[in-house]
Structures are given as C-alpha cells and as structure tokens.
C-alpha cells in the first residue's frame, strides 16, 4: 500500500472506504502509461553526458534500477526524472518499446 493511502487521517471523499480495496496503482502502471520522453543533456555537468527519462509512471527507483542494468551505467532519480550516465537514448527506447511503452526523443 502506498504511503499516501496509509496516512489518510480525514477525508471528505464519500468513497474513501472503497479505496482501501483497490490494489496499489504501481502494480498496473503499464496499462495507463503515457508517452515517455528521452533526452540527452550536458549542461552543468562539466561536459559529461547524461540521458534524462521523463514521464515514467510507478516506482521510479525500480525503473532506475532496470535502466541501469540495461545500459550498464550509473544513474539517479531526481523526481520526476531519471538520469542515466552517458548517451543511452537508443538502448532505453528499445527497452521501453519491448515493455510496450511508447517513447519519444526530445531536445536537440
């Protein structure tokens, strides 16, 4: 159960009891996944290149871990984005398309 659902103290929502029976949204994130944007950046990093992935739904730390394994590179989560070291746009796009998630390259 997500942290937000556990900490409800008072709710004006008339259906609040029904929400306890709903499974965590993270389990079904692929169903409602929108377009994910992938871009390359070097600004403010001393000339080093990073790949930014924006628009993933669900647990970003789990996504980061999977992307790091696919790319063989380090990374970090800076909500709502994931940064992967190096120019990994093609690998990430192939990985996401294999998962059934649409992705687009953004930026220059």
N, C-alpha and C. Protein backbone atom coordinates (compact mmCIF):
# COMPACT_ATOMS: atom_id res chain seq x y z
N UNK A 1 0.85 -1.17 0.00
CA UNK A 1 0.00 0.00 0.00
C UNK A 1 0.90 1.23 0.00
N UNK A 2 0.56 2.20 -0.81
CA UNK A 2 1.41 3.38 -0.93
C UNK A 2 1.35 4.22 0.34
N UNK A 3 2.38 5.00 0.53
CA UNK A 3 2.50 5.83 1.72
C UNK A 3 1.33 6.81 1.84
N UNK A 4 0.89 7.33 0.72
CA UNK A 4 -0.19 8.31 0.71
C UNK A 4 -1.48 7.69 1.24
N UNK A 5 -1.77 6.46 0.88
CA UNK A 5 -3.01 5.82 1.30
C UNK A 5 -2.99 5.45 2.78
N UNK A 6 -1.82 5.15 3.33
CA UNK A 6 -1.75 4.76 4.74
C UNK A 6 -1.94 5.94 5.67
N UNK A 7 -1.56 7.13 5.25
CA UNK A 7 -1.54 8.27 6.13
C UNK A 7 -2.80 9.12 6.08
N UNK A 8 -3.89 8.63 5.51
CA UNK A 8 -5.13 9.40 5.48
C UNK A 8 -5.71 9.45 6.89
N UNK A 9 -5.88 10.67 7.39
CA UNK A 9 -6.45 10.85 8.71
C UNK A 9 -7.93 11.21 8.58
N UNK A 10 -8.25 12.08 7.62
CA UNK A 10 -9.61 12.51 7.42
C UNK A 10 -9.81 12.76 5.93
N UNK A 11 -10.95 12.34 5.42
CA UNK A 11 -11.22 12.55 4.01
C UNK A 11 -12.66 13.00 3.83
N UNK A 12 -12.87 13.95 2.91
CA UNK A 12 -14.22 14.39 2.58
C UNK A 12 -14.79 13.60 1.41
N UNK A 13 -14.00 12.68 0.88
CA UNK A 13 -14.42 11.85 -0.25
C UNK A 13 -15.43 10.81 0.23
N UNK A 14 -16.66 10.78 -0.34
CA UNK A 14 -17.66 9.82 0.13
C UNK A 14 -17.29 8.37 -0.18
N UNK A 15 -16.37 8.11 -1.11
CA UNK A 15 -15.99 6.75 -1.47
C UNK A 15 -14.67 6.32 -0.84
N UNK A 16 -14.26 6.94 0.24
CA UNK A 16 -12.94 6.67 0.78
C UNK A 16 -12.78 5.24 1.28
N UNK A 17 -13.83 4.61 1.73
CA UNK A 17 -13.72 3.23 2.21
C UNK A 17 -13.48 2.27 1.05
N UNK A 18 -14.01 2.58 -0.12
CA UNK A 18 -13.84 1.73 -1.28
C UNK A 18 -12.39 1.72 -1.76
N UNK A 19 -11.65 2.76 -1.49
CA UNK A 19 -10.28 2.87 -1.96
C UNK A 19 -9.35 1.90 -1.25
N UNK A 20 -9.71 1.45 -0.06
CA UNK A 20 -8.86 0.50 0.65
C UNK A 20 -8.78 -0.83 -0.08
N UNK A 21 -9.80 -1.17 -0.87
CA UNK A 21 -9.82 -2.44 -1.58
C UNK A 21 -9.10 -2.39 -2.91
N UNK A 22 -8.76 -1.20 -3.39
CA UNK A 22 -8.07 -1.05 -4.67
C UNK A 22 -6.60 -1.41 -4.47
N UNK A 23 -6.08 -2.23 -5.38
CA UNK A 23 -4.67 -2.58 -5.31
C UNK A 23 -3.82 -1.36 -5.61
N UNK A 24 -2.59 -1.43 -5.20
CA UNK A 24 -1.66 -0.33 -5.43
C UNK A 24 -1.55 -0.04 -6.92
N UNK A 25 -1.62 1.23 -7.30
CA UNK A 25 -1.57 1.64 -8.71
C UNK A 25 -0.26 1.25 -9.38
N UNK A 26 0.81 1.11 -8.61
CA UNK A 26 2.12 0.79 -9.19
C UNK A 26 2.13 -0.58 -9.84
N UNK A 27 1.28 -1.49 -9.38
CA UNK A 27 1.28 -2.84 -9.93
C UNK A 27 0.79 -2.87 -11.37
N UNK A 28 -0.04 -1.93 -11.76
CA UNK A 28 -0.62 -1.91 -13.10
C UNK A 28 -0.20 -0.68 -13.88
N UNK A 29 1.03 -0.21 -13.69
CA UNK A 29 1.42 1.05 -14.31
C UNK A 29 1.56 0.96 -15.82
N UNK A 30 1.82 -0.21 -16.38
CA UNK A 30 1.97 -0.32 -17.84
C UNK A 30 0.67 -0.09 -18.58
N UNK A 31 -0.45 -0.35 -17.93
CA UNK A 31 -1.75 -0.23 -18.59
C UNK A 31 -2.05 1.22 -18.94
N UNK A 32 -1.74 2.13 -18.03
CA UNK A 32 -2.08 3.53 -18.23
C UNK A 32 -0.87 4.40 -18.53
N UNK A 33 0.20 3.81 -18.98
CA UNK A 33 1.43 4.55 -19.25
C UNK A 33 1.25 5.45 -20.47
N UNK A 34 1.60 6.73 -20.31
CA UNK A 34 1.54 7.64 -21.45
C UNK A 34 2.92 7.67 -22.13
N UNK A 35 3.16 8.65 -22.95
CA UNK A 35 4.42 8.73 -23.69
C UNK A 35 5.56 9.14 -22.74
N UNK A 36 6.68 8.48 -22.90
CA UNK A 36 7.88 8.77 -22.11
C UNK A 36 8.85 9.55 -22.99
N UNK A 37 9.39 10.63 -22.46
CA UNK A 37 10.31 11.47 -23.22
C UNK A 37 11.75 11.19 -22.78
N UNK A 38 12.62 11.00 -23.78
CA UNK A 38 14.02 10.70 -23.53
C UNK A 38 14.86 11.81 -24.16
N UNK A 39 15.76 12.42 -23.39
CA UNK A 39 16.61 13.47 -23.94
C UNK A 39 18.03 13.35 -23.40
N UNK A 40 18.95 13.93 -24.13
CA UNK A 40 20.36 13.94 -23.74
C UNK A 40 20.72 15.34 -23.26
N UNK A 41 21.49 15.42 -22.18
CA UNK A 41 21.90 16.71 -21.62
C UNK A 41 23.37 16.70 -21.26
N UNK A 42 24.01 17.86 -21.38
CA UNK A 42 25.39 18.01 -20.92
C UNK A 42 25.55 19.26 -20.07
N UNK A 43 24.54 20.11 -20.01
CA UNK A 43 24.65 21.39 -19.30
C UNK A 43 24.90 21.18 -17.81
N UNK A 44 25.84 21.93 -17.27
CA UNK A 44 26.09 21.93 -15.84
C UNK A 44 26.71 20.65 -15.31
N UNK A 45 27.29 19.85 -16.18
CA UNK A 45 27.86 18.58 -15.74
C UNK A 45 29.32 18.45 -16.16
N UNK A 46 29.96 19.54 -16.41
CA UNK A 46 31.37 19.52 -16.78
C UNK A 46 31.64 18.81 -18.09
N UNK A 47 30.71 18.90 -19.02
CA UNK A 47 30.87 18.26 -20.32
C UNK A 47 30.44 16.81 -20.36
N UNK A 48 30.08 16.23 -19.23
CA UNK A 48 29.63 14.84 -19.19
C UNK A 48 28.19 14.75 -19.72
N UNK A 49 27.90 13.68 -20.40
CA UNK A 49 26.57 13.49 -20.99
C UNK A 49 25.73 12.59 -20.09
N UNK A 50 24.48 12.95 -19.91
CA UNK A 50 23.52 12.10 -19.22
C UNK A 50 22.26 11.99 -20.06
N UNK A 51 21.54 10.91 -19.89
CA UNK A 51 20.27 10.70 -20.56
C UNK A 51 19.17 10.88 -19.54
N UNK A 52 18.22 11.75 -19.84
CA UNK A 52 17.11 12.05 -18.94
C UNK A 52 15.86 11.33 -19.45
N UNK A 53 15.20 10.59 -18.56
CA UNK A 53 13.96 9.89 -18.90
C UNK A 53 12.86 10.50 -18.05
N UNK A 54 11.85 11.05 -18.73
CA UNK A 54 10.77 11.75 -18.03
C UNK A 54 9.42 11.17 -18.48
N UNK A 55 8.53 10.95 -17.51
CA UNK A 55 7.19 10.51 -17.83
C UNK A 55 6.88 9.08 -17.44
N UNK A 56 7.83 8.40 -16.80
CA UNK A 56 7.55 7.04 -16.35
C UNK A 56 6.61 7.07 -15.15
N UNK A 57 5.71 6.11 -15.11
CA UNK A 57 4.73 6.02 -14.03
C UNK A 57 5.11 4.86 -13.14
N UNK A 58 4.93 5.03 -11.85
CA UNK A 58 5.21 3.95 -10.91
C UNK A 58 6.41 4.28 -10.05
N UNK A 59 7.05 3.25 -9.54
CA UNK A 59 8.20 3.40 -8.67
C UNK A 59 9.43 3.77 -9.50
N UNK A 60 9.86 5.02 -9.39
CA UNK A 60 10.98 5.49 -10.21
C UNK A 60 12.28 4.81 -9.82
N UNK A 61 12.43 4.42 -8.57
CA UNK A 61 13.66 3.75 -8.14
C UNK A 61 13.78 2.37 -8.80
N UNK A 62 12.67 1.68 -8.91
CA UNK A 62 12.68 0.37 -9.58
C UNK A 62 12.98 0.54 -11.07
N UNK A 63 12.38 1.57 -11.70
CA UNK A 63 12.67 1.85 -13.11
C UNK A 63 14.15 2.17 -13.28
N UNK A 64 14.69 2.98 -12.38
CA UNK A 64 16.11 3.37 -12.48
C UNK A 64 16.99 2.13 -12.42
N UNK A 65 16.67 1.23 -11.53
CA UNK A 65 17.47 0.02 -11.38
C UNK A 65 17.45 -0.83 -12.65
N UNK A 66 16.27 -0.96 -13.25
CA UNK A 66 16.16 -1.72 -14.50
C UNK A 66 16.93 -1.04 -15.64
N UNK A 67 16.80 0.29 -15.73
CA UNK A 67 17.50 1.02 -16.79
C UNK A 67 19.01 0.95 -16.62
N UNK A 68 19.48 0.98 -15.38
CA UNK A 68 20.91 0.86 -15.13
C UNK A 68 21.43 -0.50 -15.60
N UNK A 69 20.66 -1.55 -15.35
CA UNK A 69 21.07 -2.89 -15.79
C UNK A 69 21.12 -2.98 -17.31
N UNK A 70 20.10 -2.42 -17.95
CA UNK A 70 20.04 -2.46 -19.42
C UNK A 70 21.20 -1.70 -20.04
N UNK A 71 21.50 -0.53 -19.48
CA UNK A 71 22.52 0.34 -20.07
C UNK A 71 23.93 0.04 -19.56
N UNK A 72 24.04 -0.64 -18.44
CA UNK A 72 25.36 -0.88 -17.86
C UNK A 72 26.02 0.40 -17.40
N UNK A 73 25.20 1.29 -16.82
CA UNK A 73 25.70 2.60 -16.40
C UNK A 73 25.05 2.99 -15.09
N UNK A 74 25.61 3.99 -14.44
CA UNK A 74 25.06 4.51 -13.21
C UNK A 74 23.89 5.43 -13.49
N UNK A 75 23.19 5.80 -12.43
CA UNK A 75 22.06 6.70 -12.60
C UNK A 75 21.53 7.17 -11.27
N UNK A 76 20.57 8.07 -11.35
CA UNK A 76 19.94 8.61 -10.15
C UNK A 76 18.51 9.02 -10.46
N UNK A 77 17.73 9.19 -9.41
CA UNK A 77 16.35 9.66 -9.56
C UNK A 77 16.29 11.07 -9.01
N UNK A 78 15.85 11.99 -9.84
CA UNK A 78 15.57 13.36 -9.44
C UNK A 78 14.15 13.62 -9.89
N UNK A 79 13.21 13.36 -8.99
CA UNK A 79 11.78 13.37 -9.35
C UNK A 79 11.42 14.61 -10.13
N UNK A 80 10.65 14.47 -11.16
CA UNK A 80 10.01 13.28 -11.73
C UNK A 80 10.83 12.65 -12.85
N UNK A 81 12.16 12.77 -12.80
CA UNK A 81 13.00 12.31 -13.89
C UNK A 81 14.02 11.29 -13.40
N UNK A 82 14.49 10.47 -14.33
CA UNK A 82 15.57 9.53 -14.05
C UNK A 82 16.75 9.94 -14.92
N UNK A 83 17.93 10.03 -14.32
CA UNK A 83 19.15 10.36 -15.06
C UNK A 83 20.01 9.11 -15.15
N UNK A 84 20.43 8.78 -16.36
CA UNK A 84 21.33 7.65 -16.60
C UNK A 84 22.60 8.21 -17.24
N UNK A 85 23.75 7.79 -16.75
CA UNK A 85 25.02 8.32 -17.25
C UNK A 85 25.28 7.88 -18.69
N UNK A 86 25.77 8.82 -19.48
CA UNK A 86 26.12 8.54 -20.87
C UNK A 86 24.95 8.76 -21.82
N UNK A 87 25.23 8.64 -23.11
CA UNK A 87 24.19 8.78 -24.13
C UNK A 87 23.57 7.40 -24.37
N UNK A 88 22.49 7.11 -23.68
CA UNK A 88 21.86 5.80 -23.70
C UNK A 88 20.47 5.84 -24.34
N UNK A 89 20.18 6.85 -25.14
CA UNK A 89 18.83 7.04 -25.67
C UNK A 89 18.32 5.84 -26.45
N UNK A 90 19.12 5.30 -27.33
CA UNK A 90 18.69 4.17 -28.17
C UNK A 90 18.39 2.93 -27.34
N UNK A 91 19.26 2.61 -26.40
CA UNK A 91 19.05 1.43 -25.54
C UNK A 91 17.78 1.56 -24.72
N UNK A 92 17.58 2.74 -24.15
CA UNK A 92 16.39 2.96 -23.33
C UNK A 92 15.13 2.88 -24.17
N UNK A 93 15.16 3.45 -25.37
CA UNK A 93 13.99 3.41 -26.26
C UNK A 93 13.66 1.97 -26.64
N UNK A 94 14.67 1.15 -26.94
CA UNK A 94 14.43 -0.26 -27.27
C UNK A 94 13.86 -1.02 -26.07
N UNK A 95 14.38 -0.75 -24.88
CA UNK A 95 13.91 -1.40 -23.67
C UNK A 95 12.45 -1.06 -23.40
N UNK A 96 12.11 0.23 -23.53
CA UNK A 96 10.73 0.66 -23.27
C UNK A 96 9.77 0.10 -24.31
N UNK A 97 10.19 0.06 -25.56
CA UNK A 97 9.30 -0.49 -26.60
C UNK A 97 9.08 -1.98 -26.38
N UNK A 98 10.07 -2.69 -25.87
CA UNK A 98 9.90 -4.11 -25.55
C UNK A 98 8.90 -4.30 -24.42
N UNK A 99 8.82 -3.31 -23.54
CA UNK A 99 7.85 -3.35 -22.43
C UNK A 99 6.47 -2.85 -22.87
N UNK A 100 6.36 -2.37 -24.11
CA UNK A 100 5.08 -1.88 -24.62
C UNK A 100 4.79 -0.43 -24.27
N UNK A 101 5.84 0.33 -23.99
CA UNK A 101 5.69 1.74 -23.61
C UNK A 101 6.18 2.61 -24.76
N UNK A 102 5.37 3.59 -25.15
CA UNK A 102 5.75 4.50 -26.23
C UNK A 102 6.77 5.51 -25.69
N UNK A 103 7.78 5.79 -26.51
CA UNK A 103 8.78 6.78 -26.12
C UNK A 103 9.10 7.68 -27.29
N UNK A 104 9.51 8.90 -26.96
CA UNK A 104 9.90 9.88 -27.97
C UNK A 104 11.18 10.55 -27.52
N UNK A 105 12.02 10.91 -28.50
CA UNK A 105 13.21 11.68 -28.21
C UNK A 105 12.81 13.15 -28.19
N UNK A 106 13.30 13.86 -27.19
CA UNK A 106 13.02 15.30 -27.13
C UNK A 106 14.35 16.04 -27.07
N UNK A 107 14.30 17.32 -27.32
CA UNK A 107 15.52 18.12 -27.30
C UNK A 107 16.19 18.11 -28.66
N UNK A 108 17.45 18.52 -28.69
CA UNK A 108 18.16 18.65 -29.95
C UNK A 108 18.91 17.49 -30.40
